[in-house]
Protein backbone atom coordinates (compact mmCIF):
# COMPACT_ATOMS: atom_id res chain seq x y z
CA UNK A 1 0.00 0.00 0.00
CA UNK A 2 1.51 3.33 -1.00
CA UNK A 3 1.68 6.31 1.32
CA UNK A 4 1.68 9.98 0.39
CA UNK A 5 2.14 13.11 2.48
CA UNK A 6 0.12 16.25 1.78
CA UNK A 7 -0.24 19.53 3.67
CA UNK A 8 -3.56 20.53 5.19
CA UNK A 9 -4.21 23.35 2.69
CA UNK A 10 -3.85 21.02 -0.29
CA UNK A 11 -5.89 18.35 1.51
CA UNK A 12 -8.75 20.84 1.86
CA UNK A 13 -8.61 21.70 -1.85
CA UNK A 14 -8.48 18.09 -3.03
CA UNK A 15 -10.36 16.25 -0.27
CA UNK A 16 -12.80 14.43 -2.57
CA UNK A 17 -9.96 13.19 -4.78
CA UNK A 18 -7.99 12.07 -1.73
CA UNK A 19 -10.96 10.08 -0.45
CA UNK A 20 -11.21 8.32 -3.80
CA UNK A 21 -7.53 7.49 -3.82
CA UNK A 22 -7.72 6.10 -0.30
CA UNK A 23 -10.97 4.18 -0.77
CA UNK A 24 -10.33 2.76 -4.23
CA UNK A 25 -6.60 3.08 -4.78
CA UNK A 26 -5.78 1.68 -1.35
CA UNK A 27 -3.38 4.55 -0.62
CA UNK A 28 -2.68 6.02 2.77
CA UNK A 29 -2.49 9.81 3.00
CA UNK A 30 -0.69 11.59 5.83
CA UNK A 31 -1.93 15.15 6.36
CA UNK A 32 0.65 17.55 7.73
CA UNK A 33 0.48 21.02 9.24
CA UNK A 34 3.69 23.04 9.14
CA UNK A 35 5.56 19.85 8.30
CA UNK A 36 4.25 17.88 11.29
CA UNK A 37 2.02 14.83 10.73
CA UNK A 38 -1.48 15.55 12.03
CA UNK A 39 -3.71 12.79 10.63
CA UNK A 40 -3.73 9.73 8.40
CA UNK A 41 -6.44 8.78 5.90
CA UNK A 42 -6.70 5.01 5.49
CA UNK A 43 -9.25 2.80 3.71
CA UNK A 44 -12.25 2.10 5.92
CA UNK A 45 -12.29 -1.60 5.08
CA UNK A 46 -8.88 -2.28 6.56
CA UNK A 47 -10.35 -3.57 9.78
CA UNK A 48 -11.15 -6.89 8.10
CA UNK A 49 -14.53 -7.04 9.82
CA UNK A 50 -17.54 -8.46 8.06
CA UNK A 51 -21.15 -7.46 8.37
CA UNK A 52 -21.84 -10.92 9.74
CA UNK A 53 -19.75 -10.01 12.79
CA UNK A 54 -22.67 -7.91 14.04
CA UNK A 55 -24.23 -10.58 16.15
CA UNK A 56 -27.82 -11.02 17.12
CA UNK A 57 -29.76 -9.34 14.35
CA UNK A 58 -29.71 -12.03 11.65
CA UNK A 59 -29.03 -15.75 11.61
CA UNK A 60 -25.62 -16.77 10.26
CA UNK A 61 -27.15 -18.57 7.27
CA UNK A 62 -29.39 -15.65 6.25
CA UNK A 63 -29.24 -15.11 2.44
CA UNK A 64 -28.67 -11.41 3.09
CA UNK A 65 -24.98 -12.04 3.78
CA UNK A 66 -24.52 -13.95 0.52
CA UNK A 67 -26.14 -11.10 -1.44
CA UNK A 68 -23.92 -8.50 0.26
CA UNK A 69 -20.79 -10.57 -0.47
CA UNK A 70 -21.84 -10.84 -4.12
CA UNK A 71 -22.34 -7.07 -4.40
CA UNK A 72 -18.98 -6.37 -2.78
CA UNK A 73 -17.23 -8.82 -5.12
CA UNK A 74 -18.88 -7.30 -8.20
CA UNK A 75 -17.88 -3.80 -7.15
CA UNK A 76 -14.31 -4.83 -6.49
CA UNK A 77 -13.81 -5.54 -10.22
CA UNK A 78 -15.04 -2.10 -11.26
CA UNK A 79 -12.50 0.67 -11.84
CA UNK A 80 -13.69 3.88 -10.13
CA UNK A 81 -13.97 7.00 -12.28
CA UNK A 82 -11.70 8.99 -9.96
CA UNK A 83 -8.84 6.59 -10.64
CA UNK A 84 -9.47 6.71 -14.39
CA UNK A 85 -9.16 10.51 -14.23
CA UNK A 86 -5.91 10.23 -12.25
CA UNK A 87 -4.45 7.87 -14.86
CA UNK A 88 -5.33 10.32 -17.64
CA UNK A 89 -7.88 8.08 -19.34
C-alpha cells in the first residue's frame, strides 16, 4: 500500500480526490500542518470485519450475507472514475 504526504491546505482543496484514492486506490495519505504529521487517511475496510460479525440481528445462514458478499465482489472488479481521471484516461 503506498503512502503519500500532503499539507492541510492542499488536503482541503483536493479532499474528494484524496478520499477516492484512499478508498479505491488503497493509498494512505498523511496530512501535515507546518511539516508535522497531524492525521492519516486510510481505507475504511482495513479492519477486516464483516457485516456478519454484528451478532444477534440475523441468523448466520441468512441469504442477506450472501447477497452482500456478491455485491462487494462485483464492485471490487469495477474501476472507479476517480482513478481513471488520475491515470489520464
